[in-house]
Amino acid sequence: MSHRIEVGFKPDYDILGNNIKREIVEDLHILVDSVRTVDVYTIDKKLSKKQLSLLGRELFADPVIQIFSYDKPLAHLDEWVIEVTYKPRVTDPHEENIRKGIKDLLREEFKSNEVVSISKQYLISGNLKMENIFKIADELLANKIIQDYTIVSKITKRH
């Protein structure tokens, strides 16, 4: 069973999102209304709702400046979603620490087939075309040598 815990910032706290927005406008000359960033933790392990809530609250999110959701996206219908992940066989240096944190908090061992992966979402709003989104992903958000990305359009999410 695979679960996703998404952690985003409360309004006015997403400094990275604001910086990415500035870079999109100034460096790529693409007008965007806003950029929000979300850390996504995908956990391939059987977990209860209580355990997922505990992980979100105690391990992943800072309750003062962040919100979290499990098994439900934080993205709004009017936002483009660019999700950046490491390519297969490229190790995210934070995954082992996250795995250890989950193990310590839940007091459960991971089986060999139970994995944790981390990705970053960029939730972008504005009057944008698909080619703008590809340009943002290719030229700013993903290091194509070690990372892949997927794009979810506003239209795709509605169907």
Foldseek 3Di string as FASTA:
>chain_A
DKKKKKKWWDPPQQPVFVVLQVCCCPVVVDHFDTKTKIKIKMKQDDDDPVLSVCCVDPPNYDVVTMDMDMPDDPADLQWKKKKKFWDPPDDDPCQVVSQVVSCVVVVDHDDPPIGMGMIMIMTTHDDDDPVSVVCSCVPPNYDVVTMDIDMDHSVNVVD
